[in-house]
Protein backbone atom coordinates (compact mmCIF):
# COMPACT_ATOMS: atom_id res chain seq x y z
CA MET A 1 -114.86 -46.21 -38.79
CA SER A 2 -111.52 -44.61 -40.83
CA ALA A 3 -109.70 -45.81 -43.01
CA GLU A 4 -106.41 -46.17 -41.20
CA HIS A 5 -108.42 -48.20 -38.85
CA TRP A 6 -109.37 -50.22 -41.26
CA ARG A 7 -106.00 -51.41 -42.46
CA LEU A 8 -104.69 -52.01 -39.58
CA HIS A 9 -107.92 -53.83 -37.72
CA GLY A 10 -108.70 -55.23 -41.03
CA VAL A 11 -107.47 -58.58 -42.36
CA ARG A 12 -104.25 -60.29 -42.18
CA VAL A 13 -103.15 -62.59 -44.43
CA VAL A 14 -100.06 -65.02 -43.22
CA HIS A 15 -98.22 -65.90 -46.10
CA SER A 16 -96.85 -69.60 -45.86
CA SER A 17 -93.48 -68.68 -45.13
CA GLU A 18 -94.66 -66.96 -42.10
CA LEU A 19 -95.28 -69.56 -40.18
CA ASP A 20 -94.11 -69.97 -36.74
CA PRO A 21 -92.73 -73.33 -35.68
CA ASN A 22 -92.77 -72.16 -32.03
CA THR A 23 -96.01 -73.54 -30.66
CA ALA A 24 -97.06 -77.02 -29.42
CA GLN A 25 -95.03 -79.98 -30.67
CA THR A 26 -95.46 -83.77 -30.66
CA PRO A 27 -93.07 -86.51 -31.27
CA GLY A 28 -94.10 -87.07 -35.04
CA MET A 29 -95.31 -84.24 -36.10
CA ASP A 30 -94.38 -80.87 -36.83
CA ARG A 31 -97.00 -78.00 -36.34
CA ALA A 32 -96.65 -74.29 -37.34
CA ALA A 33 -99.31 -71.68 -35.91
CA ALA A 34 -100.39 -69.47 -38.90
CA ILE A 35 -103.89 -67.36 -36.77
CA THR A 36 -103.30 -66.45 -34.00
CA HIS A 37 -103.90 -63.53 -31.02
CA ALA A 38 -100.48 -62.32 -31.42
CA ARG A 39 -99.89 -62.75 -35.14
CA ALA A 40 -103.20 -61.83 -36.47
CA GLY A 41 -105.29 -60.80 -33.54
CA ALA A 42 -107.62 -63.67 -33.49
CA GLU A 43 -109.61 -63.94 -29.99
CA LYS A 44 -111.88 -67.08 -30.95
CA LEU A 45 -109.38 -69.48 -33.17
CA TRP A 46 -106.50 -70.67 -33.41
CA ALA A 47 -105.18 -72.36 -36.77
CA GLY A 48 -102.09 -74.04 -38.41
CA THR A 49 -100.72 -77.04 -40.35
CA VAL A 50 -99.66 -80.33 -38.89
CA THR A 51 -97.36 -82.84 -40.20
CA ILE A 52 -97.78 -86.01 -38.69
CA HIS A 53 -94.38 -88.28 -40.44
CA PRO A 54 -95.08 -91.79 -41.86
CA SER A 55 -96.80 -94.67 -39.53
CA ALA A 56 -96.62 -91.81 -36.77
CA LYS A 57 -99.32 -91.88 -34.37
CA THR A 58 -100.41 -89.18 -31.25
CA GLY A 59 -101.80 -91.25 -27.97
CA ALA A 60 -104.74 -90.91 -26.58
CA HIS A 61 -105.98 -87.30 -25.70
CA HIS A 62 -108.68 -84.97 -25.93
CA HIS A 63 -108.37 -80.92 -25.84
CA GLY A 64 -110.97 -79.94 -23.32
CA ALA A 65 -113.24 -78.13 -24.46
CA LEU A 66 -112.40 -76.52 -27.45
CA GLU A 67 -113.22 -78.10 -30.95
CA SER A 68 -111.34 -78.84 -33.59
CA ILE A 69 -111.33 -79.24 -37.47
CA ILE A 70 -108.84 -80.96 -39.43
CA TYR A 71 -108.51 -80.24 -42.89
CA VAL A 72 -105.97 -82.93 -44.88
CA VAL A 73 -104.64 -81.58 -47.45
CA LYS A 74 -102.12 -84.88 -49.01
CA GLY A 75 -101.60 -87.75 -47.29
CA ARG A 76 -104.50 -90.33 -45.67
CA ALA A 77 -105.51 -89.81 -42.01
CA ARG A 78 -107.05 -92.52 -39.66
CA MET A 79 -108.97 -91.11 -36.53
CA ARG A 80 -109.60 -93.27 -33.59
CA TRP A 81 -111.93 -92.09 -30.78
CA GLY A 82 -113.91 -92.96 -27.93
CA GLU A 83 -113.52 -94.25 -24.45
CA ARG A 84 -111.01 -97.09 -25.78
CA LEU A 85 -110.62 -96.39 -28.89
CA GLU A 86 -113.47 -98.37 -30.26
CA PHE A 87 -114.29 -96.67 -33.08
CA THR A 88 -111.50 -95.76 -36.16
CA ALA A 89 -112.57 -93.38 -39.80
CA GLU A 90 -110.20 -92.78 -42.45
CA ALA A 91 -109.81 -88.75 -44.41
CA GLY A 92 -107.96 -88.32 -47.67
CA PRO A 93 -107.03 -85.41 -49.29
CA GLY A 94 -109.90 -82.29 -49.97
CA ASP A 95 -111.32 -84.26 -46.14
CA PHE A 96 -112.70 -82.55 -43.28
CA ILE A 97 -112.49 -84.12 -40.21
CA PHE A 98 -114.68 -82.44 -36.99
CA VAL A 99 -113.62 -83.44 -32.99
CA PRO A 100 -116.26 -82.15 -30.69
CA PRO A 101 -115.12 -81.28 -27.22
CA PHE A 102 -114.25 -83.67 -24.81
CA VAL A 103 -114.00 -86.61 -27.39
CA PRO A 104 -110.96 -88.81 -26.51
CA HIS A 105 -109.32 -89.34 -29.88
CA GLN A 106 -106.13 -90.73 -31.54
CA GLU A 107 -104.65 -89.23 -35.03
CA ILE A 108 -102.39 -91.94 -37.07
CA ASN A 109 -101.37 -91.47 -40.34
CA ALA A 110 -102.27 -94.29 -42.35
CA ALA A 111 -99.68 -94.06 -45.12
CA ASP A 112 -95.84 -94.59 -45.96
CA GLU A 113 -95.86 -90.59 -46.78
CA PRO A 114 -96.13 -87.50 -44.85
CA LEU A 115 -99.61 -86.61 -43.81
CA GLU A 116 -100.36 -82.72 -44.22
CA CYS A 117 -102.69 -81.45 -42.87
CA VAL A 118 -104.33 -77.92 -41.59
CA LEU A 119 -105.86 -77.39 -38.26
CA VAL A 120 -108.37 -75.08 -36.29
CA ARG A 121 -109.29 -74.93 -32.83
CA SER A 122 -112.02 -72.80 -31.16
CA GLY A 123 -109.66 -71.07 -28.39
CA GLN A 124 -106.19 -70.43 -28.01
CA ASP A 125 -105.05 -72.49 -25.71
CA PRO A 126 -102.97 -75.38 -26.32
CA VAL A 127 -105.27 -77.52 -24.67
CA VAL A 128 -104.26 -81.46 -24.93
CA VAL A 129 -105.43 -84.17 -22.00
CA ASN A 130 -103.49 -87.00 -22.81
CA LEU A 131 -105.11 -89.95 -21.68
CA ASP A 132 -104.17 -94.01 -20.22
CA ILE A 133 -106.64 -96.22 -22.13
CA ALA A 134 -106.47 -99.58 -23.06
CA ALA A 135 -107.64 -99.88 -26.81
CA VAL A 136 -109.75 -102.38 -28.21
CA GLU A 137 -107.71 -104.32 -30.35
CA ALA A 138 -109.75 -104.03 -33.90
CA PRO A 139 -111.91 -100.78 -33.62
CA GLU A 140 -115.10 -100.38 -35.40
CA SER A 141 -115.19 -98.37 -38.77
CA VAL A 142 -117.65 -95.44 -38.96
CA PHE A 143 -119.21 -94.05 -42.16
CA TRP A 144 -121.92 -91.74 -41.41
CA VAL A 145 -121.81 -88.65 -42.27
CA ASP A 146 -124.96 -87.23 -41.01
CA ASP A 147 -128.74 -87.58 -41.17
CA VAL A 148 -128.89 -85.19 -44.17
CA HIS A 149 -126.27 -86.57 -46.25
CA PRO A 150 -126.55 -90.43 -45.69
CA ALA A 151 -122.72 -92.41 -45.78
CA PRO A 152 -122.48 -93.86 -49.20
CA GLU A 153 -122.61 -97.79 -50.06
CA ARG A 154 -119.10 -99.50 -49.16
């Protein structure tokens, strides 16, 4: 490949001042797209930022066949998931959250300050399937990490 090809079709840097707020929005949340097909030529990933206002939360939903990764930059995230949102876990700055395909879930800002995150999805389409779920009142806290790295004793 020529140098000109790589100059035009190589690495892309999207600066924080260039994020695009013209993306799907949810009340109480501000999203901005960074890596998309239109902005960076991405074909299999979407990445951006989301700020969740203090005490805000989404309704129960899933993202179809998409996988999602949330990286917490600032604040405290509470995730609920399951058929009745019966499970919960929290994440803080530096923590990653993985949401598999079709998992019913709800994102909650668990603090009185803005929750700032980086969001990466395994596709370009903004798939959101809203669910009408009767959530349990007292979800079970889950501390599982994986078979190799067990959760610390609580």
